C-alpha atoms as a PDB file:
ATOM      1  CA  MET A   1       9.345  25.601   8.519  1.00  0.00           C
ATOM      2  CA  PRO A   2       9.266  24.338   4.906  1.00  0.00           C
ATOM      3  CA  LYS A   3       5.959  24.082   3.211  1.00  0.00           C
ATOM      4  CA  VAL A   4       6.242  20.386   2.324  1.00  0.00           C
ATOM      5  CA  SER A   5       8.250  17.483   3.647  1.00  0.00           C
ATOM      6  CA  VAL A   6       8.886  14.498   1.343  1.00  0.00           C
ATOM      7  CA  LEU A   7       9.564  11.209   3.027  1.00  0.00           C
ATOM      8  CA  VAL A   8      11.772   8.716   1.229  1.00  0.00           C
ATOM      9  CA  ALA A   9      12.511   5.364   2.663  1.00  0.00           C
ATOM     10  CA  VAL A  10      15.587   3.817   0.965  1.00  0.00           C
ATOM     11  CA  TYR A  11      16.751   0.213   0.758  1.00  0.00           C
ATOM     12  CA  ASN A  12      19.119  -0.954  -2.020  1.00  0.00           C
ATOM     13  CA  ALA A  13      17.699   1.536  -4.407  1.00  0.00           C
ATOM     14  CA  GLU A  14      20.834   2.909  -6.165  1.00  0.00           C
ATOM     15  CA  LYS A  15      19.529   1.804  -9.642  1.00  0.00           C
ATOM     16  CA  TYR A  16      16.627   4.257  -9.590  1.00  0.00           C
ATOM     17  CA  LEU A  17      17.458   6.558  -6.669  1.00  0.00           C
ATOM     18  CA  GLN A  18      19.069   9.312  -8.696  1.00  0.00           C
ATOM     19  CA  ALA A  19      15.986   9.703 -10.905  1.00  0.00           C
ATOM     20  CA  CYS A  20      13.794   9.944  -7.762  1.00  0.00           C
ATOM     21  CA  LEU A  21      15.968  12.568  -6.119  1.00  0.00           C
ATOM     22  CA  ASP A  22      16.310  14.619  -9.229  1.00  0.00           C
ATOM     23  CA  SER A  23      12.537  14.798  -9.706  1.00  0.00           C
ATOM     24  CA  LEU A  24      12.210  16.068  -6.033  1.00  0.00           C
ATOM     25  CA  LEU A  25      14.984  18.630  -6.178  1.00  0.00           C
ATOM     26  CA  ASN A  26      13.642  19.944  -9.511  1.00  0.00           C
ATOM     27  CA  GLN A  27      10.191  20.710  -8.154  1.00  0.00           C
ATOM     28  CA  SER A  28       8.705  24.040  -9.069  1.00  0.00           C
ATOM     29  CA  LEU A  29       7.954  24.435  -5.344  1.00  0.00           C
ATOM     30  CA  LYS A  30      11.258  25.201  -3.777  1.00  0.00           C
ATOM     31  CA  ASP A  31      10.177  25.513  -0.124  1.00  0.00           C
ATOM     32  CA  ILE A  32      10.582  21.792   0.576  1.00  0.00           C
ATOM     33  CA  GLU A  33      12.656  19.411   2.572  1.00  0.00           C
ATOM     34  CA  ILE A  34      13.438  15.764   1.368  1.00  0.00           C
ATOM     35  CA  VAL A  35      13.880  13.488   4.360  1.00  0.00           C
ATOM     36  CA  CYS A  36      15.689  10.215   3.250  1.00  0.00           C
ATOM     37  CA  VAL A  37      16.221   7.411   5.655  1.00  0.00           C
ATOM     38  CA  ASP A  38      18.424   4.510   4.498  1.00  0.00           C
ATOM     39  CA  ASP A  39      17.290   1.146   5.908  1.00  0.00           C
ATOM     40  CA  ALA A  40      20.711  -0.498   6.200  1.00  0.00           C
ATOM     41  CA  SER A  41      21.220  -0.765   2.441  1.00  0.00           C
ATOM     42  CA  THR A  42      24.050  -3.093   1.267  1.00  0.00           C
ATOM     43  CA  ASP A  43      24.523  -1.227  -2.044  1.00  0.00           C
ATOM     44  CA  ASN A  44      25.681   2.364  -2.685  1.00  0.00           C
ATOM     45  CA  SER A  45      22.381   3.941  -1.844  1.00  0.00           C
ATOM     46  CA  LEU A  46      23.734   5.740   1.305  1.00  0.00           C
ATOM     47  CA  SER A  47      26.741   7.011  -0.585  1.00  0.00           C
ATOM     48  CA  LEU A  48      24.460   8.522  -3.264  1.00  0.00           C
ATOM     49  CA  LEU A  49      22.259  10.164  -0.650  1.00  0.00           C
ATOM     50  CA  ASN A  50      25.241  11.739   1.094  1.00  0.00           C
ATOM     51  CA  GLU A  51      26.490  12.983  -2.267  1.00  0.00           C
ATOM     52  CA  TYR A  52      23.214  14.696  -3.040  1.00  0.00           C
ATOM     53  CA  ALA A  53      22.940  16.095   0.493  1.00  0.00           C
ATOM     54  CA  ALA A  54      26.310  17.693   0.229  1.00  0.00           C
ATOM     55  CA  LYS A  55      25.040  19.685  -2.818  1.00  0.00           C
ATOM     56  CA  ASP A  56      21.582  20.637  -1.621  1.00  0.00           C
ATOM     57  CA  SER A  57      20.719  21.506   2.005  1.00  0.00           C
ATOM     58  CA  ARG A  58      17.115  20.674   1.513  1.00  0.00           C
ATOM     59  CA  LEU A  59      18.052  16.995   1.638  1.00  0.00           C
ATOM     60  CA  LYS A  60      18.232  15.383   5.041  1.00  0.00           C
ATOM     61  CA  VAL A  61      19.826  11.931   5.417  1.00  0.00           C
ATOM     62  CA  ALA A  62      19.710   9.363   8.297  1.00  0.00           C
ATOM     63  CA  THR A  63      20.644   5.703   8.305  1.00  0.00           C
ATOM     64  CA  LEU A  64      19.388   2.796  10.348  1.00  0.00           C
ATOM     65  CA  ALA A  65      21.945   0.360  11.968  1.00  0.00           C
ATOM     66  CA  LYS A  66      19.819  -2.633  10.951  1.00  0.00           C
ATOM     67  CA  ASN A  67      17.123  -3.343   8.402  1.00  0.00           C
ATOM     68  CA  SER A  68      13.768  -2.463  10.012  1.00  0.00           C
ATOM     69  CA  GLY A  69      11.212  -2.526   7.245  1.00  0.00           C
ATOM     70  CA  ILE A  70       9.499   0.221   5.253  1.00  0.00           C
ATOM     71  CA  SER A  71       6.940   1.336   7.808  1.00  0.00           C
ATOM     72  CA  HIS A  72       9.443   1.860  10.606  1.00  0.00           C
ATOM     73  CA  THR A  73      11.789   3.626   8.149  1.00  0.00           C
ATOM     74  CA  ARG A  74       9.021   5.973   7.119  1.00  0.00           C
ATOM     75  CA  ASN A  75       8.183   6.661  10.653  1.00  0.00           C
ATOM     76  CA  VAL A  76      11.765   7.720  11.345  1.00  0.00           C
ATOM     77  CA  ALA A  77      11.599  10.071   8.462  1.00  0.00           C
ATOM     78  CA  LEU A  78       8.253  11.390   9.629  1.00  0.00           C
ATOM     79  CA  GLY A  79       9.891  12.129  13.025  1.00  0.00           C
ATOM     80  CA  MET A  80      12.633  14.134  11.325  1.00  0.00           C
ATOM     81  CA  SER A  81      10.127  16.083   9.217  1.00  0.00           C
ATOM     82  CA  THR A  82       9.202  19.750   9.979  1.00  0.00           C
ATOM     83  CA  GLY A  83       7.046  20.772   6.920  1.00  0.00           C
ATOM     84  CA  GLU A  84       3.438  22.044   7.086  1.00  0.00           C
ATOM     85  CA  TYR A  85       2.471  19.167   4.699  1.00  0.00           C
ATOM     86  CA  VAL A  86       3.832  15.736   4.219  1.00  0.00           C
ATOM     87  CA  CYS A  87       3.916  13.184   1.339  1.00  0.00           C
ATOM     88  CA  MET A  88       5.673   9.960   0.775  1.00  0.00           C
ATOM     89  CA  VAL A  89       7.612   8.961  -2.436  1.00  0.00           C
ATOM     90  CA  ASP A  90       9.150   5.503  -2.942  1.00  0.00           C
ATOM     91  CA  SER A  91      12.774   5.560  -3.773  1.00  0.00           C
ATOM     92  CA  ASP A  92      12.309   4.107  -7.231  1.00  0.00           C
ATOM     93  CA  ASP A  93       9.363   6.360  -8.186  1.00  0.00           C
ATOM     94  CA  TRP A  94       9.271   9.987  -9.328  1.00  0.00           C
ATOM     95  CA  LEU A  95       7.053  13.041  -9.526  1.00  0.00           C
ATOM     96  CA  SER A  96       6.181  15.530 -12.227  1.00  0.00           C
ATOM     97  CA  ASP A  97       7.883  18.929 -11.658  1.00  0.00           C
ATOM     98  CA  ASP A  98       4.670  20.630 -10.530  1.00  0.00           C
ATOM     99  CA  ALA A  99       3.305  17.761  -8.373  1.00  0.00           C
ATOM    100  CA  LEU A 100       4.204  19.321  -4.962  1.00  0.00           C
ATOM    101  CA  GLN A 101       3.144  22.812  -5.917  1.00  0.00           C
ATOM    102  CA  LEU A 102      -0.230  21.717  -7.247  1.00  0.00           C
ATOM    103  CA  SER A 103      -1.066  19.588  -4.204  1.00  0.00           C
ATOM    104  CA  ALA A 104       0.123  22.120  -1.640  1.00  0.00           C
ATOM    105  CA  GLU A 105      -1.938  24.856  -3.381  1.00  0.00           C
ATOM    106  CA  VAL A 106      -5.061  22.852  -2.780  1.00  0.00           C
ATOM    107  CA  LEU A 107      -4.290  22.472   0.882  1.00  0.00           C
ATOM    108  CA  ASP A 108      -3.445  26.185   1.100  1.00  0.00           C
ATOM    109  CA  ASN A 109      -6.618  27.344  -0.583  1.00  0.00           C
ATOM    110  CA  GLU A 110      -9.128  24.756   0.738  1.00  0.00           C
ATOM    111  CA  PRO A 111      -9.060  24.878   4.612  1.00  0.00           C
ATOM    112  CA  ALA A 112     -11.446  21.918   4.955  1.00  0.00           C
ATOM    113  CA  VAL A 113      -9.333  19.718   2.742  1.00  0.00           C
ATOM    114  CA  ASP A 114      -6.794  17.675   4.699  1.00  0.00           C
ATOM    115  CA  CYS A 115      -5.556  15.239   2.059  1.00  0.00           C
ATOM    116  CA  VAL A 116      -4.842  15.617  -1.715  1.00  0.00           C
ATOM    117  CA  LEU A 117      -4.389  12.737  -4.092  1.00  0.00           C
ATOM    118  CA  PHE A 118      -1.802  12.892  -6.773  1.00  0.00           C
ATOM    119  CA  ASP A 119      -2.618  11.752 -10.346  1.00  0.00           C
ATOM    120  CA  PHE A 120      -1.276   8.233 -10.210  1.00  0.00           C
ATOM    121  CA  ILE A 121       0.618   7.117 -13.304  1.00  0.00           C
ATOM    122  CA  ILE A 122       1.858   3.456 -13.643  1.00  0.00           C
ATOM    123  CA  ALA A 123       5.106   3.312 -15.617  1.00  0.00           C
ATOM    124  CA  GLU A 124       5.691  -0.155 -17.071  1.00  0.00           C
ATOM    125  CA  ARG A 125       9.072  -1.364 -18.371  1.00  0.00           C
ATOM    126  CA  ASP A 126       9.528  -1.587 -22.032  1.00  0.00           C
ATOM    127  CA  ASP A 127      11.811  -4.730 -22.293  1.00  0.00           C
ATOM    128  CA  VAL A 128      12.990  -3.846 -25.790  1.00  0.00           C
ATOM    129  CA  GLN A 129      14.058  -0.309 -24.813  1.00  0.00           C
ATOM    130  CA  GLY A 130      14.865  -0.965 -21.201  1.00  0.00           C
ATOM    131  CA  THR A 131      12.905   2.166 -20.234  1.00  0.00           C
ATOM    132  CA  TYR A 132       9.728   2.953 -18.280  1.00  0.00           C
ATOM    133  CA  THR A 133       8.003   4.945 -20.991  1.00  0.00           C
ATOM    134  CA  ARG A 134       4.877   2.635 -21.231  1.00  0.00           C
ATOM    135  CA  GLN A 135       2.576   4.636 -19.048  1.00  0.00           C
ATOM    136  CA  ARG A 136      -1.068   4.295 -18.016  1.00  0.00           C
ATOM    137  CA  ARG A 137      -3.253   6.142 -15.560  1.00  0.00           C
ATOM    138  CA  TYR A 138      -4.413   4.218 -12.458  1.00  0.00           C
ATOM    139  CA  ASN A 139      -8.147   3.470 -12.847  1.00  0.00           C
ATOM    140  CA  SER A 140      -9.171   5.610  -9.878  1.00  0.00           C
ATOM    141  CA  MET A 141     -12.598   7.076  -9.359  1.00  0.00           C
ATOM    142  CA  ALA A 142     -12.808  10.669 -10.348  1.00  0.00           C
ATOM    143  CA  PHE A 143     -14.026  13.201  -7.849  1.00  0.00           C
ATOM    144  CA  SER A 144     -13.581  16.842  -6.852  1.00  0.00           C
ATOM    145  CA  ARG A 145     -14.150  16.716  -3.083  1.00  0.00           C
ATOM    146  CA  ILE A 146     -15.377  13.824  -1.000  1.00  0.00           C
ATOM    147  CA  SER A 147     -15.625  13.325   2.720  1.00  0.00           C
ATOM    148  CA  GLY A 148     -12.812  11.446   4.485  1.00  0.00           C
ATOM    149  CA  LEU A 149     -15.162   8.619   5.485  1.00  0.00           C
ATOM    150  CA  ARG A 150     -16.123   8.163   1.886  1.00  0.00           C
ATOM    151  CA  ALA A 151     -12.516   8.170   0.886  1.00  0.00           C
ATOM    152  CA  CYS A 152     -11.768   5.523   3.456  1.00  0.00           C
ATOM    153  CA  GLU A 153     -14.564   3.338   2.068  1.00  0.00           C
ATOM    154  CA  LEU A 154     -13.390   3.686  -1.462  1.00  0.00           C
ATOM    155  CA  SER A 155      -9.818   2.814  -0.469  1.00  0.00           C
ATOM    156  CA  LEU A 156     -10.911  -0.554   1.065  1.00  0.00           C
ATOM    157  CA  ASP A 157     -10.956  -2.047  -2.472  1.00  0.00           C
ATOM    158  CA  TRP A 158      -8.669   0.655  -3.966  1.00  0.00           C
ATOM    159  CA  ARG A 159     -11.340   2.353  -6.106  1.00  0.00           C
ATOM    160  CA  ILE A 160      -9.125   5.322  -5.144  1.00  0.00           C
ATOM    161  CA  HIS A 161      -5.393   4.897  -4.649  1.00  0.00           C
ATOM    162  CA  GLY A 162      -3.084   5.753  -1.716  1.00  0.00           C
ATOM    163  CA  LEU A 163      -0.649   8.320  -3.043  1.00  0.00           C
ATOM    164  CA  TYR A 164      -1.240  11.725  -1.516  1.00  0.00           C
ATOM    165  CA  MET A 165      -0.093  14.845   0.427  1.00  0.00           C
ATOM    166  CA  ILE A 166      -1.593  15.349   3.887  1.00  0.00           C
ATOM    167  CA  ARG A 167      -1.431  17.878   6.720  1.00  0.00           C
ATOM    168  CA  ARG A 168       1.471  16.975   8.976  1.00  0.00           C
ATOM    169  CA  ALA A 169      -0.594  17.240  12.172  1.00  0.00           C
ATOM    170  CA  ILE A 170      -2.792  14.284  10.985  1.00  0.00           C
ATOM    171  CA  HIS A 171       0.248  12.239   9.916  1.00  0.00           C
ATOM    172  CA  LEU A 172       1.877  12.742  13.324  1.00  0.00           C
ATOM    173  CA  GLN A 173      -1.327  11.670  15.020  1.00  0.00           C
ATOM    174  CA  TYR A 174      -1.516   8.603  12.854  1.00  0.00           C
ATOM    175  CA  PRO A 175       1.965   7.466  11.909  1.00  0.00           C
ATOM    176  CA  TYR A 176       2.699   4.384   9.752  1.00  0.00           C
ATOM    177  CA  ASP A 177       1.297   1.140  11.063  1.00  0.00           C
ATOM    178  CA  GLU A 178       4.108  -1.270  11.968  1.00  0.00           C
ATOM    179  CA  SER A 179       1.890  -4.281  12.794  1.00  0.00           C
ATOM    180  CA  SER A 180       3.195  -6.293   9.800  1.00  0.00           C
ATOM    181  CA  PRO A 181       6.454  -6.355   7.852  1.00  0.00           C
ATOM    182  CA  VAL A 182       4.511  -5.671   4.631  1.00  0.00           C
ATOM    183  CA  TYR A 183       1.062  -4.300   3.629  1.00  0.00           C
ATOM    184  CA  SER A 184       0.526  -2.441   6.989  1.00  0.00           C
ATOM    185  CA  ASP A 185       1.232   0.767   5.164  1.00  0.00           C
ATOM    186  CA  GLU A 186      -2.083   0.232   3.360  1.00  0.00           C
ATOM    187  CA  ASN A 187      -3.745   0.544   6.805  1.00  0.00           C
ATOM    188  CA  THR A 188      -2.217   3.959   7.249  1.00  0.00           C
ATOM    189  CA  THR A 189      -3.566   5.262   4.019  1.00  0.00           C
ATOM    190  CA  ARG A 190      -7.092   4.216   5.010  1.00  0.00           C
ATOM    191  CA  VAL A 191      -6.730   5.686   8.484  1.00  0.00           C
ATOM    192  CA  HIS A 192      -5.457   8.972   7.077  1.00  0.00           C
ATOM    193  CA  TYR A 193      -8.582   9.173   4.783  1.00  0.00           C
ATOM    194  CA  TRP A 194     -10.713   8.339   7.768  1.00  0.00           C
ATOM    195  CA  ALA A 195      -9.103  11.145   9.813  1.00  0.00           C
ATOM    196  CA  SER A 196      -9.456  13.765   6.996  1.00  0.00           C
ATOM    197  CA  ARG A 197     -12.399  16.157   6.908  1.00  0.00           C
ATOM    198  CA  GLU A 198     -12.330  16.220   3.059  1.00  0.00           C
ATOM    199  CA  VAL A 199     -10.172  14.573   0.499  1.00  0.00           C
ATOM    200  CA  ALA A 200      -9.407  16.205  -2.909  1.00  0.00           C
ATOM    201  CA  GLN A 201      -7.397  15.474  -6.054  1.00  0.00           C
ATOM    202  CA  CYS A 202      -4.880  17.355  -8.072  1.00  0.00           C
ATOM    203  CA  ALA A 203      -3.244  17.176 -11.494  1.00  0.00           C
ATOM    204  CA  GLY A 204       0.311  16.673 -10.135  1.00  0.00           C
ATOM    205  CA  LYS A 205       1.611  13.323 -11.341  1.00  0.00           C
ATOM    206  CA  TYR A 206       3.137  10.490  -9.210  1.00  0.00           C
ATOM    207  CA  PHE A 207       4.965   8.029 -11.430  1.00  0.00           C
ATOM    208  CA  TYR A 208       4.942   4.543  -9.951  1.00  0.00           C
ATOM    209  CA  ARG A 209       7.647   2.268 -11.437  1.00  0.00           C
ATOM    210  CA  GLN A 210       6.113  -1.146 -11.943  1.00  0.00           C
ATOM    211  CA  HIS A 211       8.846  -3.779 -12.049  1.00  0.00           C
ATOM    212  CA  THR A 212       8.602  -6.798 -14.289  1.00  0.00           C
ATOM    213  CA  GLU A 213       7.346  -9.936 -12.514  1.00  0.00           C
ATOM    214  CA  SER A 214       9.940 -12.579 -11.758  1.00  0.00           C
ATOM    215  CA  ALA A 215       9.944 -15.380 -14.362  1.00  0.00           C
ATOM    216  CA  THR A 216      10.578 -18.051 -11.756  1.00  0.00           C
ATOM    217  CA  HIS A 217       6.910 -18.001 -10.449  1.00  0.00           C
ATOM    218  CA  ALA A 218       8.217 -18.899  -7.027  1.00  0.00           C
ATOM    219  CA  PRO A 219       5.594 -18.626  -4.299  1.00  0.00           C
ATOM    220  CA  ASN A 220       5.772 -15.320  -2.399  1.00  0.00           C
ATOM    221  CA  LEU A 221       5.077 -15.889   1.310  1.00  0.00           C
ATOM    222  CA  ASN A 222       4.953 -12.171   2.014  1.00  0.00           C
ATOM    223  CA  LYS A 223       1.391 -11.966   0.660  1.00  0.00           C
ATOM    224  CA  TYR A 224       0.198 -13.880   3.606  1.00  0.00           C
ATOM    225  CA  TYR A 225       1.282 -10.994   5.909  1.00  0.00           C
ATOM    226  CA  ARG A 226      -1.762  -9.224   4.437  1.00  0.00           C
ATOM    227  CA  LEU A 227      -3.795 -11.290   6.971  1.00  0.00           C
ATOM    228  CA  ASP A 228      -1.958  -9.711   9.912  1.00  0.00           C
ATOM    229  CA  ALA A 229      -2.157  -6.236   8.506  1.00  0.00           C
ATOM    230  CA  TYR A 230      -5.904  -6.523   7.961  1.00  0.00           C
ATOM    231  CA  LYS A 231      -6.380  -7.717  11.536  1.00  0.00           C
ATOM    232  CA  SER A 232      -4.675  -4.501  12.772  1.00  0.00           C
ATOM    233  CA  LEU A 233      -7.025  -2.358  10.618  1.00  0.00           C
ATOM    234  CA  LYS A 234     -10.004  -4.320  11.856  1.00  0.00           C
ATOM    235  CA  GLN A 235      -9.091  -3.472  15.392  1.00  0.00           C
ATOM    236  CA  PHE A 236      -8.751   0.305  14.552  1.00  0.00           C
ATOM    237  CA  LEU A 237     -12.150   0.304  12.863  1.00  0.00           C
ATOM    238  CA  GLN A 238     -13.881  -1.515  15.692  1.00  0.00           C
ATOM    239  CA  SER A 239     -12.536   1.041  18.180  1.00  0.00           C
ATOM    240  CA  HIS A 240     -14.378   3.937  16.491  1.00  0.00           C
ATOM    241  CA  THR A 241     -18.135   4.083  16.839  1.00  0.00           C
ATOM    242  CA  ASP A 242     -18.703   6.056  13.602  1.00  0.00           C
ATOM    243  CA  THR A 243     -17.227   3.396  11.355  1.00  0.00           C
ATOM    244  CA  HIS A 244     -19.678   0.478  11.699  1.00  0.00           C
ATOM    245  CA  PHE A 245     -20.506   0.561   7.927  1.00  0.00           C
ATOM    246  CA  LEU A 246     -16.763   0.472   7.190  1.00  0.00           C
ATOM    247  CA  CYS A 247     -16.253  -2.567   9.543  1.00  0.00           C
ATOM    248  CA  SER A 248     -18.996  -4.361   7.493  1.00  0.00           C
ATOM    249  CA  ARG A 249     -17.400  -3.510   4.119  1.00  0.00           C
ATOM    250  CA  PHE A 250     -13.973  -4.279   5.415  1.00  0.00           C
ATOM    251  CA  GLU A 251     -14.949  -7.697   6.956  1.00  0.00           C
ATOM    252  CA  GLU A 252     -16.400  -8.777   3.599  1.00  0.00           C
ATOM    253  CA  MET A 253     -13.128  -7.798   1.971  1.00  0.00           C
ATOM    254  CA  ARG A 254     -11.189  -9.715   4.552  1.00  0.00           C
ATOM    255  CA  TRP A 255     -13.279 -12.785   4.008  1.00  0.00           C
ATOM    256  CA  LEU A 256     -12.757 -12.693   0.193  1.00  0.00           C
ATOM    257  CA  THR A 257      -9.018 -12.167   0.861  1.00  0.00           C
ATOM    258  CA  VAL A 258      -8.921 -15.375   2.959  1.00  0.00           C
ATOM    259  CA  ILE A 259     -10.512 -17.316   0.195  1.00  0.00           C
ATOM    260  CA  ASP A 260      -8.149 -15.827  -2.441  1.00  0.00           C
ATOM    261  CA  LEU A 261      -5.033 -16.531  -0.368  1.00  0.00           C
ATOM    262  CA  TYR A 262      -6.202 -20.080   0.316  1.00  0.00           C
ATOM    263  CA  PHE A 263      -6.558 -20.600  -3.466  1.00  0.00           C
ATOM    264  CA  GLU A 264      -3.024 -19.196  -3.915  1.00  0.00           C
ATOM    265  CA  TYR A 265      -1.846 -21.709  -1.273  1.00  0.00           C
ATOM    266  CA  TYR A 266      -3.716 -24.462  -3.055  1.00  0.00           C
ATOM    267  CA  LYS A 267      -1.952 -23.716  -6.285  1.00  0.00           C
ATOM    268  CA  THR A 268       1.511 -23.384  -4.965  1.00  0.00           C
ATOM    269  CA  ARG A 269       1.626 -25.725  -1.899  1.00  0.00           C
ATOM    270  CA  ARG A 270       3.737 -28.369  -3.652  1.00  0.00           C
ATOM    271  CA  GLN A 271       6.454 -25.726  -3.998  1.00  0.00           C
ATOM    272  CA  LEU A 272       6.553 -24.995  -0.279  1.00  0.00           C
ATOM    273  CA  SER A 273       8.513 -26.604   2.462  1.00  0.00           C
ATOM    274  CA  ARG A 274       6.537 -28.449   5.157  1.00  0.00           C
ATOM    275  CA  ALA A 275       7.385 -25.648   7.627  1.00  0.00           C
ATOM    276  CA  ASP A 276       6.038 -23.025   5.213  1.00  0.00           C
ATOM    277  CA  ARG A 277       2.852 -25.022   4.592  1.00  0.00           C
ATOM    278  CA  ARG A 278       2.208 -25.231   8.321  1.00  0.00           C
ATOM    279  CA  MET A 279       2.863 -21.530   8.672  1.00  0.00           C
ATOM    280  CA  VAL A 280       0.379 -20.627   5.888  1.00  0.00           C
ATOM    281  CA  ILE A 281      -2.321 -22.909   7.114  1.00  0.00           C
ATOM    282  CA  LYS A 282      -1.978 -21.546  10.629  1.00  0.00           C
ATOM    283  CA  ARG A 283      -2.391 -17.987   9.399  1.00  0.00           C
ATOM    284  CA  LEU A 284      -5.358 -18.916   7.199  1.00  0.00           C
ATOM    285  CA  LYS A 285      -7.067 -20.752  10.155  1.00  0.00           C
ATOM    286  CA  GLU A 286      -6.561 -17.839  12.499  1.00  0.00           C
ATOM    287  CA  ALA A 287      -8.052 -15.468   9.926  1.00  0.00           C
ATOM    288  CA  TRP A 288     -11.004 -17.911   9.334  1.00  0.00           C
ATOM    289  CA  GLN A 289     -11.667 -18.012  13.114  1.00  0.00           C
ATOM    290  CA  ASP A 290     -11.446 -14.227  13.388  1.00  0.00           C
ATOM    291  CA  ILE A 291     -14.026 -13.303  10.809  1.00  0.00           C
ATOM    292  CA  ASP A 292     -17.103 -11.639  12.311  1.00  0.00           C
ATOM    293  CA  LEU A 293     -19.866 -13.653  10.405  1.00  0.00           C
ATOM    294  CA  SER A 294     -22.469 -11.120  11.535  1.00  0.00           C
ATOM    295  CA  LEU A 295     -20.924  -8.514   9.338  1.00  0.00           C
ATOM    296  CA  LEU A 296     -20.938 -10.637   6.161  1.00  0.00           C
ATOM    297  CA  SER A 297     -23.801 -10.611   3.712  1.00  0.00           C
ATOM    298  CA  ASP A 298     -25.556 -13.793   2.608  1.00  0.00           C
ATOM    299  CA  LYS A 299     -24.100 -13.285  -0.863  1.00  0.00           C
ATOM    300  CA  GLU A 300     -20.559 -13.723   0.521  1.00  0.00           C
ATOM    301  CA  THR A 301     -21.324 -16.826   2.755  1.00  0.00           C
ATOM    302  CA  ARG A 302     -23.859 -19.021   0.844  1.00  0.00           C
ATOM    303  CA  LYS A 303     -21.837 -19.437  -2.331  1.00  0.00           C
ATOM    304  CA  PHE A 304     -20.158 -22.798  -2.694  1.00  0.00           C
ATOM    305  CA  GLY A 305     -16.489 -22.471  -1.838  1.00  0.00           C
ATOM    306  CA  TYR A 306     -17.175 -19.341   0.259  1.00  0.00           C
ATOM    307  CA  MET A 307     -19.290 -20.891   3.053  1.00  0.00           C
ATOM    308  CA  PRO A 308     -17.512 -20.346   6.391  1.00  0.00           C
ATOM    309  CA  LEU A 309     -18.708 -23.581   7.955  1.00  0.00           C
ATOM    310  CA  ARG A 310     -17.487 -22.271  11.297  1.00  0.00           C
ATOM    311  CA  PHE A 311     -18.376 -25.543  13.068  1.00  0.00           C
ATOM    312  CA  SER A 312     -15.361 -27.396  11.478  1.00  0.00           C
ATOM    313  CA  TRP A 313     -12.130 -26.155  10.022  1.00  0.00           C
ATOM    314  CA  LEU A 314     -11.720 -29.511   8.237  1.00  0.00           C
ATOM    315  CA  ALA A 315     -15.186 -29.158   6.616  1.00  0.00           C
ATOM    316  CA  PHE A 316     -14.353 -25.707   5.448  1.00  0.00           C
ATOM    317  CA  ARG A 317     -11.021 -26.862   3.953  1.00  0.00           C
ATOM    318  CA  MET A 318     -12.678 -29.832   2.195  1.00  0.00           C
ATOM    319  CA  GLN A 319     -15.396 -27.566   0.692  1.00  0.00           C
ATOM    320  CA  ALA A 320     -12.867 -24.930  -0.307  1.00  0.00           C
ATOM    321  CA  GLU A 321     -10.400 -27.228  -1.993  1.00  0.00           C
ATOM    322  CA  LEU A 322     -13.200 -29.042  -3.936  1.00  0.00           C
ATOM    323  CA  TYR A 323     -14.224 -25.592  -5.222  1.00  0.00           C
ATOM    324  CA  PHE A 324     -10.601 -24.778  -6.040  1.00  0.00           C
ATOM    325  CA  PHE A 325     -10.383 -28.039  -7.977  1.00  0.00           C
ATOM    326  CA  VAL A 326     -13.487 -27.385 -10.009  1.00  0.00           C
ATOM    327  CA  ARG A 327     -12.299 -23.749 -10.610  1.00  0.00           C
ATOM    328  CA  ALA A 328      -8.890 -24.880 -11.842  1.00  0.00           C
ATOM    329  CA  MET A 329     -10.491 -27.488 -14.167  1.00  0.00           C
ATOM    330  CA  ARG A 330     -12.786 -24.751 -15.580  1.00  0.00           C
ATOM    331  CA  ASP A 331      -9.852 -22.414 -16.133  1.00  0.00           C
ATOM    332  CA  ARG A 332      -7.891 -25.224 -18.051  1.00  0.00           C
ATOM    333  CA  LEU A 333     -10.915 -25.885 -20.266  1.00  0.00           C
ATOM    334  CA  ARG A 334     -11.272 -22.222 -21.073  1.00  0.00           C
ATOM    335  CA  GLN A 335      -7.536 -22.020 -21.930  1.00  0.00           C
ATOM    336  CA  GLY A 336      -7.841 -24.985 -24.156  1.00  0.00           C
ATOM    337  CA  LYS A 337     -10.600 -23.330 -26.260  1.00  0.00           C
ATOM    338  CA  LYS A 338      -8.472 -20.279 -27.000  1.00  0.00           C
END
């Protein structure tokens, strides 16, 4: 049994995959396996994986017949893993050479710690040089040890990030949430923290490659899947009696997300097709109806634009869109003064 299994879900990643694999194979901790699952890539990712696997037996490769999404792909990799500890690395990211050793040492030496966060470094593209050398540390709360429940609470609004190594037994008990094509992996992070006795940090660096935003500014409908993912996490939290305070915190976050996504729709709706507009409004209405108002504070429900007005979906929409109009006018005035 290797000490650590690294899960890598791969989809059309040939541009950055080599840097990712090199960083893993060059780890100071050698007792590892790298489990790569190709999610039906249409580029040369699979060929590159097979080339690396032929040179180093620590690399396992599998491929899916059809594109199945990142959570399912990671679950396939998890099922293939045999390590004592498990971590995930995206196929365009990379680790410092000591990252796996430092995180595994914490788990080896601290029996009560079940999860260890990496030092999260965001690497932004320098458009002049074409490199990712512009780096900054994620603004995560500093701590030595905290309880799993506290870590779960802090992860609701990402005061701590979600890049870590965890004991494999916990990961097998709580595999990746596949309830939504995107964002459901965020649920898995929070559940893993909830299931951990204690959570710690280490100095091993995880480098996250932040790609430049598209210049087209086209609306991204994927963001509305966050509503589906959040509903799945709500169901999990409600089914556990020790997480009532988390339910309240999470429901407030869900409500603010509904408002934020409605504002996003308000700004981009003219760029959407009629079918897409109907789809978005349907998702927003379902989320509006599903919010448990008893868990929301007065602060979140009595402010103009944020009042649920549960008696009428139309009344809520009229209030929200009037608020959005005023908000947009205010932002324009502020821009004009600069």
